[in-house]
Amino acid sequence: MHQREFALQGGADRASATLWPLSVDGLLLLATASVLKQPTARDRRTRYVVRLAFLLGIAVSLAANMAAAPALEWKPVLVAGWPPVALLLAVELLAHRSGDQSEIATADLPMDEGAGSGDPLLARARQVDAHHRELYQRPVSAESLRKELRIGAGRSRKLVALVRTSRNGNVHG
């Protein structure tokens, strides 16, 4: 309700003001889902756009909430402004938690040649290596793989070793 009123006060017509909350909350919903998705398949520009969309949605929601505060005193403004701030913090915590869990979940997997061949990260590492070879005519480095897959350095080195070993024909996977 407060977002509709905010849009009307800002000069929107009734139809646009009615759709305003959908545009703000819809943007926040989609951006939140994108932030929480596995980031390995997205490039830097996409991650930037997703974060920007999320932060803009938070900013507009915060402005609308604060404008709806019954008085410009610290308690009403804090109460009105808290929900978008809480959403921002919750999404950030979940995003970092899901990234940590994907690294933790794969950190203890055995990485010998036989066990590593069924590892979903190994398949992804092979894709990244193939793409890197297409672009730069050389194999992917452990550091580039670490950044792309958002994994630890040790895990990245093991995956690079497996990718190179399997590429040389020693492992069939």
N, C-alpha and C. Protein backbone atom coordinates (compact mmCIF):
# COMPACT_ATOMS: atom_id res chain seq x y z
N MET A 1 0.82 -1.19 0.00
CA MET A 1 0.00 0.00 0.00
C MET A 1 0.86 1.26 0.00
N HIS A 2 1.92 1.25 0.82
CA HIS A 2 2.75 2.45 0.92
C HIS A 2 3.51 2.71 -0.39
N GLN A 3 3.86 1.65 -1.13
CA GLN A 3 4.56 1.85 -2.40
C GLN A 3 3.62 2.49 -3.43
N ARG A 4 2.37 2.10 -3.42
CA ARG A 4 1.40 2.70 -4.34
C ARG A 4 1.23 4.18 -4.03
N GLU A 5 1.09 4.49 -2.75
CA GLU A 5 0.97 5.89 -2.33
C GLU A 5 2.22 6.68 -2.69
N PHE A 6 3.36 6.07 -2.51
CA PHE A 6 4.65 6.70 -2.85
C PHE A 6 4.68 7.04 -4.34
N ALA A 7 4.22 6.11 -5.18
CA ALA A 7 4.21 6.33 -6.62
C ALA A 7 3.22 7.44 -7.00
N LEU A 8 2.07 7.45 -6.36
CA LEU A 8 1.08 8.51 -6.62
C LEU A 8 1.64 9.88 -6.24
N GLN A 9 2.30 9.96 -5.09
CA GLN A 9 2.90 11.21 -4.65
C GLN A 9 4.02 11.65 -5.59
N GLY A 10 4.65 10.68 -6.24
CA GLY A 10 5.73 10.98 -7.17
C GLY A 10 5.25 11.37 -8.55
N GLY A 11 3.93 11.35 -8.78
CA GLY A 11 3.39 11.79 -10.05
C GLY A 11 2.91 10.69 -10.97
N ALA A 12 2.92 9.45 -10.52
CA ALA A 12 2.44 8.34 -11.36
C ALA A 12 0.92 8.40 -11.46
N ASP A 13 0.38 7.95 -12.60
CA ASP A 13 -1.08 7.85 -12.72
C ASP A 13 -1.54 6.63 -11.91
N ARG A 14 -2.85 6.48 -11.76
CA ARG A 14 -3.39 5.41 -10.90
C ARG A 14 -2.98 4.01 -11.38
N ALA A 15 -3.02 3.78 -12.68
CA ALA A 15 -2.65 2.45 -13.20
C ALA A 15 -1.17 2.16 -12.94
N SER A 16 -0.32 3.12 -13.22
CA SER A 16 1.12 2.93 -12.97
C SER A 16 1.40 2.76 -11.49
N ALA A 17 0.72 3.55 -10.66
CA ALA A 17 0.92 3.45 -9.22
C ALA A 17 0.48 2.09 -8.69
N THR A 18 -0.56 1.54 -9.30
CA THR A 18 -1.03 0.21 -8.88
C THR A 18 0.00 -0.86 -9.22
N LEU A 19 0.69 -0.69 -10.34
CA LEU A 19 1.71 -1.66 -10.76
C LEU A 19 3.07 -1.42 -10.09
N TRP A 20 3.25 -0.26 -9.51
CA TRP A 20 4.53 0.09 -8.89
C TRP A 20 5.03 -0.97 -7.89
N PRO A 21 4.21 -1.40 -6.92
CA PRO A 21 4.71 -2.41 -5.97
C PRO A 21 5.15 -3.71 -6.66
N LEU A 22 4.44 -4.09 -7.71
CA LEU A 22 4.82 -5.30 -8.45
C LEU A 22 6.20 -5.12 -9.09
N SER A 23 6.44 -3.93 -9.63
CA SER A 23 7.74 -3.71 -10.28
C SER A 23 8.88 -3.74 -9.25
N VAL A 24 8.68 -3.14 -8.10
CA VAL A 24 9.72 -3.11 -7.07
C VAL A 24 9.91 -4.50 -6.46
N ASP A 25 8.81 -5.10 -6.00
CA ASP A 25 8.92 -6.42 -5.35
C ASP A 25 9.28 -7.51 -6.35
N GLY A 26 8.80 -7.40 -7.57
CA GLY A 26 9.17 -8.37 -8.60
C GLY A 26 10.66 -8.31 -8.91
N LEU A 27 11.18 -7.09 -9.03
CA LEU A 27 12.63 -6.93 -9.25
C LEU A 27 13.42 -7.53 -8.09
N LEU A 28 12.98 -7.24 -6.88
CA LEU A 28 13.67 -7.79 -5.70
C LEU A 28 13.60 -9.31 -5.67
N LEU A 29 12.46 -9.86 -6.01
CA LEU A 29 12.29 -11.32 -6.01
C LEU A 29 13.23 -11.98 -7.05
N LEU A 30 13.21 -11.46 -8.26
CA LEU A 30 14.07 -12.03 -9.31
C LEU A 30 15.56 -11.84 -9.00
N ALA A 31 15.91 -10.67 -8.52
CA ALA A 31 17.32 -10.42 -8.18
C ALA A 31 17.76 -11.30 -7.02
N THR A 32 16.90 -11.49 -6.04
CA THR A 32 17.23 -12.36 -4.91
C THR A 32 17.46 -13.78 -5.39
N ALA A 33 16.57 -14.28 -6.23
CA ALA A 33 16.74 -15.64 -6.76
C ALA A 33 18.05 -15.74 -7.54
N SER A 34 18.38 -14.72 -8.31
CA SER A 34 19.62 -14.76 -9.08
C SER A 34 20.86 -14.68 -8.20
N VAL A 35 20.80 -13.88 -7.15
CA VAL A 35 21.93 -13.78 -6.23
C VAL A 35 22.18 -15.13 -5.55
N LEU A 36 21.10 -15.83 -5.23
CA LEU A 36 21.23 -17.09 -4.49
C LEU A 36 21.53 -18.29 -5.38
N LYS A 37 21.36 -18.14 -6.70
CA LYS A 37 21.70 -19.23 -7.61
C LYS A 37 23.20 -19.49 -7.59
N GLN A 38 23.58 -20.69 -8.00
CA GLN A 38 25.01 -20.98 -8.11
C GLN A 38 25.65 -20.00 -9.08
N PRO A 39 26.66 -19.28 -8.66
CA PRO A 39 27.25 -18.22 -9.48
C PRO A 39 28.25 -18.71 -10.51
N THR A 40 28.54 -19.99 -10.57
CA THR A 40 29.63 -20.44 -11.43
C THR A 40 29.35 -20.26 -12.91
N ALA A 41 28.09 -20.25 -13.31
CA ALA A 41 27.79 -20.18 -14.73
C ALA A 41 27.60 -18.75 -15.23
N ARG A 42 27.83 -17.77 -14.38
CA ARG A 42 27.61 -16.39 -14.78
C ARG A 42 28.93 -15.65 -14.91
N ASP A 43 28.96 -14.75 -15.84
CA ASP A 43 30.16 -13.94 -16.00
C ASP A 43 30.09 -12.73 -15.06
N ARG A 44 31.16 -11.98 -15.01
CA ARG A 44 31.27 -10.84 -14.10
C ARG A 44 30.19 -9.79 -14.38
N ARG A 45 29.91 -9.51 -15.65
CA ARG A 45 28.92 -8.50 -16.01
C ARG A 45 27.53 -8.91 -15.50
N THR A 46 27.19 -10.17 -15.66
CA THR A 46 25.89 -10.64 -15.20
C THR A 46 25.78 -10.52 -13.69
N ARG A 47 26.83 -10.91 -12.97
CA ARG A 47 26.81 -10.78 -11.51
C ARG A 47 26.65 -9.32 -11.11
N TYR A 48 27.30 -8.42 -11.82
CA TYR A 48 27.19 -6.99 -11.53
C TYR A 48 25.76 -6.50 -11.75
N VAL A 49 25.16 -6.88 -12.86
CA VAL A 49 23.79 -6.44 -13.17
C VAL A 49 22.81 -6.99 -12.13
N VAL A 50 22.99 -8.24 -11.72
CA VAL A 50 22.11 -8.84 -10.72
C VAL A 50 22.23 -8.08 -9.40
N ARG A 51 23.45 -7.81 -8.97
CA ARG A 51 23.66 -7.06 -7.72
C ARG A 51 23.09 -5.65 -7.82
N LEU A 52 23.31 -5.00 -8.95
CA LEU A 52 22.79 -3.65 -9.15
C LEU A 52 21.27 -3.64 -9.09
N ALA A 53 20.62 -4.60 -9.75
CA ALA A 53 19.16 -4.69 -9.72
C ALA A 53 18.67 -4.89 -8.28
N PHE A 54 19.34 -5.75 -7.55
CA PHE A 54 18.96 -6.01 -6.17
C PHE A 54 19.11 -4.74 -5.33
N LEU A 55 20.24 -4.07 -5.44
CA LEU A 55 20.47 -2.87 -4.64
C LEU A 55 19.52 -1.73 -5.01
N LEU A 56 19.21 -1.59 -6.29
CA LEU A 56 18.24 -0.56 -6.70
C LEU A 56 16.85 -0.88 -6.16
N GLY A 57 16.47 -2.15 -6.20
CA GLY A 57 15.18 -2.55 -5.63
C GLY A 57 15.12 -2.26 -4.14
N ILE A 58 16.20 -2.54 -3.44
CA ILE A 58 16.28 -2.25 -2.00
C ILE A 58 16.17 -0.74 -1.77
N ALA A 59 16.88 0.05 -2.57
CA ALA A 59 16.88 1.51 -2.40
C ALA A 59 15.47 2.09 -2.59
N VAL A 60 14.77 1.63 -3.64
CA VAL A 60 13.42 2.14 -3.89
C VAL A 60 12.46 1.68 -2.79
N SER A 61 12.59 0.44 -2.38
CA SER A 61 11.74 -0.07 -1.31
C SER A 61 12.01 0.70 -0.01
N LEU A 62 13.26 0.96 0.28
CA LEU A 62 13.62 1.71 1.48
C LEU A 62 13.06 3.13 1.43
N ALA A 63 13.18 3.77 0.26
CA ALA A 63 12.65 5.14 0.12
C ALA A 63 11.14 5.16 0.32
N ALA A 64 10.44 4.21 -0.30
CA ALA A 64 8.98 4.16 -0.16
C ALA A 64 8.58 3.89 1.29
N ASN A 65 9.28 2.98 1.93
CA ASN A 65 8.96 2.66 3.33
C ASN A 65 9.20 3.87 4.24
N MET A 66 10.33 4.54 4.03
CA MET A 66 10.64 5.67 4.89
C MET A 66 9.69 6.84 4.65
N ALA A 67 9.26 7.01 3.40
CA ALA A 67 8.29 8.06 3.10
C ALA A 67 6.95 7.78 3.76
N ALA A 68 6.67 6.51 4.03
CA ALA A 68 5.41 6.13 4.66
C ALA A 68 5.47 6.21 6.19
N ALA A 69 6.64 6.51 6.73
CA ALA A 69 6.76 6.63 8.19
C ALA A 69 5.82 7.73 8.68
N PRO A 70 5.13 7.49 9.79
CA PRO A 70 4.16 8.48 10.27
C PRO A 70 4.79 9.80 10.71
N ALA A 71 6.06 9.76 11.08
CA ALA A 71 6.75 10.99 11.49
C ALA A 71 8.22 10.84 11.16
N LEU A 72 8.88 11.96 10.89
CA LEU A 72 10.31 11.93 10.59
C LEU A 72 11.11 11.99 11.89
N GLU A 73 10.92 10.98 12.68
CA GLU A 73 11.68 10.81 13.92
C GLU A 73 12.37 9.47 13.82
N TRP A 74 13.37 9.25 14.63
CA TRP A 74 14.22 8.08 14.43
C TRP A 74 13.48 6.76 14.61
N LYS A 75 12.57 6.65 15.57
CA LYS A 75 11.87 5.38 15.78
C LYS A 75 10.95 5.01 14.61
N PRO A 76 10.07 5.90 14.17
CA PRO A 76 9.21 5.54 13.03
C PRO A 76 10.01 5.28 11.75
N VAL A 77 11.07 6.05 11.53
CA VAL A 77 11.90 5.84 10.33
C VAL A 77 12.62 4.50 10.42
N LEU A 78 13.12 4.17 11.60
CA LEU A 78 13.78 2.87 11.79
C LEU A 78 12.81 1.72 11.55
N VAL A 79 11.62 1.82 12.11
CA VAL A 79 10.62 0.77 11.93
C VAL A 79 10.21 0.65 10.46
N ALA A 80 10.01 1.78 9.80
CA ALA A 80 9.61 1.76 8.39
C ALA A 80 10.73 1.28 7.49
N GLY A 81 11.95 1.64 7.80
CA GLY A 81 13.08 1.31 6.94
C GLY A 81 13.67 -0.07 7.17
N TRP A 82 13.34 -0.69 8.29
CA TRP A 82 13.97 -1.97 8.63
C TRP A 82 13.71 -3.10 7.64
N PRO A 83 12.48 -3.34 7.14
CA PRO A 83 12.25 -4.51 6.27
C PRO A 83 13.17 -4.59 5.05
N PRO A 84 13.39 -3.52 4.27
CA PRO A 84 14.30 -3.67 3.14
C PRO A 84 15.75 -3.89 3.57
N VAL A 85 16.14 -3.28 4.67
CA VAL A 85 17.51 -3.48 5.17
C VAL A 85 17.68 -4.93 5.62
N ALA A 86 16.66 -5.46 6.31
CA ALA A 86 16.71 -6.86 6.74
C ALA A 86 16.78 -7.80 5.54
N LEU A 87 16.03 -7.50 4.48
CA LEU A 87 16.09 -8.33 3.27
C LEU A 87 17.48 -8.28 2.65
N LEU A 88 18.05 -7.10 2.56
CA LEU A 88 19.41 -6.95 2.03
C LEU A 88 20.39 -7.82 2.80
N LEU A 89 20.37 -7.71 4.11
CA LEU A 89 21.30 -8.47 4.95
C LEU A 89 21.04 -9.97 4.86
N ALA A 90 19.78 -10.36 4.85
CA ALA A 90 19.44 -11.79 4.77
C ALA A 90 19.93 -12.40 3.46
N VAL A 91 19.72 -11.70 2.35
CA VAL A 91 20.16 -12.22 1.05
C VAL A 91 21.68 -12.31 1.01
N GLU A 92 22.36 -11.30 1.53
CA GLU A 92 23.83 -11.35 1.56
C GLU A 92 24.32 -12.53 2.39
N LEU A 93 23.71 -12.74 3.54
CA LEU A 93 24.11 -13.87 4.38
C LEU A 93 23.84 -15.20 3.69
N LEU A 94 22.68 -15.33 3.06
CA LEU A 94 22.37 -16.56 2.34
C LEU A 94 23.29 -16.77 1.15
N ALA A 95 23.62 -15.70 0.45
CA ALA A 95 24.51 -15.82 -0.71
C ALA A 95 25.89 -16.30 -0.27
N HIS A 96 26.39 -15.75 0.81
CA HIS A 96 27.70 -16.18 1.29
C HIS A 96 27.64 -17.58 1.87
N ARG A 97 26.54 -17.91 2.52
CA ARG A 97 26.38 -19.26 3.10
C ARG A 97 26.32 -20.31 2.00
N SER A 98 25.56 -20.04 0.92
CA SER A 98 25.43 -21.04 -0.15
C SER A 98 26.77 -21.21 -0.86
N GLY A 99 27.54 -20.15 -1.01
CA GLY A 99 28.87 -20.26 -1.62
C GLY A 99 29.80 -21.07 -0.74
N ASP A 100 29.73 -20.83 0.59
CA ASP A 100 30.57 -21.57 1.52
C ASP A 100 30.20 -23.04 1.52
N GLN A 101 28.89 -23.34 1.49
CA GLN A 101 28.46 -24.73 1.54
C GLN A 101 28.84 -25.49 0.28
N SER A 102 28.81 -24.83 -0.88
CA SER A 102 29.19 -25.55 -2.09
C SER A 102 30.67 -25.89 -2.04
N GLU A 103 31.48 -25.00 -1.46
CA GLU A 103 32.90 -25.30 -1.34
C GLU A 103 33.13 -26.37 -0.28
N ILE A 104 32.41 -26.27 0.87
CA ILE A 104 32.56 -27.26 1.93
C ILE A 104 32.08 -28.62 1.44
N ALA A 105 30.97 -28.64 0.73
CA ALA A 105 30.40 -29.91 0.27
C ALA A 105 31.34 -30.64 -0.68
N THR A 106 32.16 -29.91 -1.42
CA THR A 106 33.03 -30.56 -2.38
C THR A 106 34.47 -30.66 -1.90
N ALA A 107 34.80 -30.00 -0.81
CA ALA A 107 36.20 -29.96 -0.38
C ALA A 107 36.71 -31.33 0.08
N ASP A 108 35.83 -32.13 0.66
CA ASP A 108 36.27 -33.40 1.22
C ASP A 108 36.08 -34.58 0.27
N LEU A 109 35.62 -34.34 -0.94
CA LEU A 109 35.46 -35.44 -1.88
C LEU A 109 36.82 -35.98 -2.27
N PRO A 110 36.96 -37.28 -2.43
CA PRO A 110 38.25 -37.83 -2.87
C PRO A 110 38.58 -37.34 -4.27
N MET A 111 39.84 -37.05 -4.48
CA MET A 111 40.22 -36.48 -5.76
C MET A 111 41.19 -37.39 -6.52
N ASP A 112 41.24 -38.69 -6.18
CA ASP A 112 42.07 -39.56 -6.99
C ASP A 112 41.40 -39.75 -8.34
N GLU A 113 42.10 -40.31 -9.29
CA GLU A 113 41.63 -40.35 -10.66
C GLU A 113 40.30 -41.07 -10.80
N GLY A 114 40.12 -42.20 -10.14
CA GLY A 114 38.88 -42.95 -10.29
C GLY A 114 37.69 -42.25 -9.66
N ALA A 115 37.86 -41.72 -8.44
CA ALA A 115 36.75 -41.09 -7.74
C ALA A 115 36.42 -39.72 -8.32
N GLY A 116 37.41 -38.99 -8.81
CA GLY A 116 37.19 -37.64 -9.30
C GLY A 116 36.43 -37.59 -10.60
N SER A 117 36.42 -38.66 -11.37
CA SER A 117 35.83 -38.62 -12.70
C SER A 117 34.32 -38.41 -12.66
N GLY A 118 33.63 -38.76 -11.56
CA GLY A 118 32.20 -38.56 -11.46
C GLY A 118 31.82 -37.26 -10.77
N ASP A 119 32.80 -36.49 -10.38
CA ASP A 119 32.59 -35.25 -9.66
C ASP A 119 31.97 -34.19 -10.57
N PRO A 120 30.82 -33.61 -10.20
CA PRO A 120 30.20 -32.58 -11.05
C PRO A 120 31.11 -31.36 -11.25
N LEU A 121 31.94 -31.06 -10.28
CA LEU A 121 32.86 -29.93 -10.45
C LEU A 121 33.93 -30.25 -11.48
N LEU A 122 34.29 -31.51 -11.59
CA LEU A 122 35.29 -31.89 -12.60
C LEU A 122 34.72 -31.67 -14.00
N ALA A 123 33.46 -32.02 -14.18
CA ALA A 123 32.83 -31.79 -15.48
C ALA A 123 32.80 -30.29 -15.80
N ARG A 124 32.47 -29.50 -14.80
CA ARG A 124 32.45 -28.05 -14.99
C ARG A 124 33.85 -27.52 -15.25
N ALA A 125 34.85 -28.06 -14.55
CA ALA A 125 36.24 -27.64 -14.76
C ALA A 125 36.69 -27.97 -16.18
N ARG A 126 36.25 -29.10 -16.71
CA ARG A 126 36.58 -29.45 -18.10
C ARG A 126 35.96 -28.44 -19.08
N GLN A 127 34.74 -28.03 -18.80
CA GLN A 127 34.08 -27.04 -19.66
C GLN A 127 34.83 -25.71 -19.62
N VAL A 128 35.20 -25.29 -18.42
CA VAL A 128 35.93 -24.03 -18.27
C VAL A 128 37.28 -24.12 -18.99
N ASP A 129 37.95 -25.25 -18.86
CA ASP A 129 39.24 -25.44 -19.52
C ASP A 129 39.08 -25.38 -21.04
N ALA A 130 38.06 -26.06 -21.56
CA ALA A 130 37.83 -26.06 -23.01
C ALA A 130 37.55 -24.64 -23.51
N HIS A 131 36.74 -23.91 -22.78
CA HIS A 131 36.43 -22.53 -23.17
C HIS A 131 37.70 -21.67 -23.11
N HIS A 132 38.47 -21.86 -22.07
CA HIS A 132 39.72 -21.09 -21.91
C HIS A 132 40.69 -21.40 -23.05
N ARG A 133 40.76 -22.67 -23.44
CA ARG A 133 41.64 -23.05 -24.56
C ARG A 133 41.17 -22.40 -25.87
N GLU A 134 39.86 -22.34 -26.06
CA GLU A 134 39.33 -21.68 -27.26
C GLU A 134 39.72 -20.21 -27.30
N LEU A 135 39.59 -19.55 -26.16
CA LEU A 135 39.85 -18.12 -26.11
C LEU A 135 41.34 -17.77 -26.14
N TYR A 136 42.14 -18.51 -25.39
CA TYR A 136 43.54 -18.12 -25.16
C TYR A 136 44.58 -19.10 -25.70
N GLN A 137 44.13 -20.21 -26.28
CA GLN A 137 45.01 -21.23 -26.83
C GLN A 137 45.99 -21.78 -25.78
N ARG A 138 45.52 -21.89 -24.55
CA ARG A 138 46.31 -22.50 -23.48
C ARG A 138 45.34 -23.03 -22.41
N PRO A 139 45.80 -23.98 -21.60
CA PRO A 139 44.91 -24.53 -20.57
C PRO A 139 44.60 -23.49 -19.49
N VAL A 140 43.50 -23.70 -18.80
CA VAL A 140 43.11 -22.80 -17.73
C VAL A 140 44.09 -22.96 -16.55
N SER A 141 44.39 -21.88 -15.89
CA SER A 141 45.25 -21.94 -14.70
C SER A 141 44.40 -22.28 -13.48
N ALA A 142 45.05 -22.74 -12.44
CA ALA A 142 44.34 -23.06 -11.21
C ALA A 142 43.67 -21.81 -10.64
N GLU A 143 44.34 -20.67 -10.76
CA GLU A 143 43.77 -19.42 -10.23
C GLU A 143 42.52 -19.00 -11.02
N SER A 144 42.59 -19.10 -12.34
CA SER A 144 41.41 -18.75 -13.16
C SER A 144 40.26 -19.70 -12.85
N LEU A 145 40.56 -20.98 -12.70
CA LEU A 145 39.53 -21.96 -12.38
C LEU A 145 38.94 -21.68 -11.00
N ARG A 146 39.80 -21.33 -10.06
CA ARG A 146 39.33 -21.01 -8.69
C ARG A 146 38.33 -19.87 -8.73
N LYS A 147 38.66 -18.82 -9.48
CA LYS A 147 37.76 -17.66 -9.56
C LYS A 147 36.45 -18.01 -10.27
N GLU A 148 36.56 -18.77 -11.34
CA GLU A 148 35.37 -19.12 -12.12
C GLU A 148 34.42 -20.01 -11.32
N LEU A 149 34.97 -21.01 -10.63
CA LEU A 149 34.13 -21.95 -9.88
C LEU A 149 33.88 -21.52 -8.45
N ARG A 150 34.57 -20.47 -8.02
CA ARG A 150 34.46 -19.96 -6.66
C ARG A 150 34.73 -21.05 -5.64
N ILE A 151 35.91 -21.64 -5.77
CA ILE A 151 36.34 -22.71 -4.88
C ILE A 151 37.69 -22.35 -4.28
N GLY A 152 38.16 -23.13 -3.36
CA GLY A 152 39.44 -22.90 -2.72
C GLY A 152 40.61 -23.22 -3.65
N ALA A 153 41.77 -22.68 -3.28
CA ALA A 153 42.97 -22.85 -4.11
C ALA A 153 43.39 -24.32 -4.20
N GLY A 154 43.36 -25.03 -3.09
CA GLY A 154 43.76 -26.44 -3.10
C GLY A 154 42.85 -27.27 -3.98
N ARG A 155 41.58 -27.04 -3.85
CA ARG A 155 40.59 -27.76 -4.67
C ARG A 155 40.80 -27.45 -6.15
N SER A 156 41.08 -26.19 -6.44
CA SER A 156 41.30 -25.77 -7.81
C SER A 156 42.54 -26.45 -8.41
N ARG A 157 43.60 -26.52 -7.64
CA ARG A 157 44.82 -27.18 -8.13
C ARG A 157 44.56 -28.65 -8.43
N LYS A 158 43.80 -29.32 -7.56
CA LYS A 158 43.49 -30.74 -7.78
C LYS A 158 42.65 -30.93 -9.05
N LEU A 159 41.67 -30.03 -9.24
CA LEU A 159 40.83 -30.14 -10.44
C LEU A 159 41.64 -29.88 -11.70
N VAL A 160 42.53 -28.91 -11.67
CA VAL A 160 43.38 -28.63 -12.84
C VAL A 160 44.24 -29.85 -13.16
N ALA A 161 44.79 -30.48 -12.12
CA ALA A 161 45.60 -31.67 -12.34
C ALA A 161 44.78 -32.78 -12.98
N LEU A 162 43.54 -32.97 -12.50
CA LEU A 162 42.67 -34.00 -13.07
C LEU A 162 42.29 -33.68 -14.51
N VAL A 163 41.99 -32.41 -14.77
CA VAL A 163 41.62 -32.01 -16.14
C VAL A 163 42.78 -32.27 -17.08
N ARG A 164 43.97 -31.90 -16.67
CA ARG A 164 45.15 -32.08 -17.53
C ARG A 164 45.48 -33.55 -17.71
N THR A 165 45.33 -34.33 -16.63
CA THR A 165 45.59 -35.77 -16.73
C THR A 165 44.60 -36.43 -17.67
N SER A 166 43.31 -36.09 -17.49
CA SER A 166 42.30 -36.71 -18.37
C SER A 166 42.45 -36.24 -19.82
N ARG A 167 42.90 -35.02 -20.02
CA ARG A 167 43.10 -34.49 -21.37
C ARG A 167 44.24 -35.24 -22.06
N ASN A 168 45.23 -35.67 -21.30
CA ASN A 168 46.36 -36.40 -21.86
C ASN A 168 46.03 -37.86 -22.10
N GLY A 169 44.80 -38.27 -21.80
CA GLY A 169 44.37 -39.64 -22.11
C GLY A 169 44.61 -40.65 -21.02
N ASN A 170 45.02 -40.20 -19.82
CA ASN A 170 45.29 -41.14 -18.74
C ASN A 170 44.05 -41.53 -17.97
N VAL A 171 43.01 -40.71 -18.03
CA VAL A 171 41.78 -41.00 -17.30
C VAL A 171 40.63 -40.90 -18.28
N HIS A 172 39.71 -41.81 -18.22
CA HIS A 172 38.54 -41.76 -19.09
C HIS A 172 37.35 -41.39 -18.25
N GLY A 173 36.77 -40.18 -18.46
CA GLY A 173 35.68 -39.75 -17.59
C GLY A 173 34.66 -39.00 -18.25
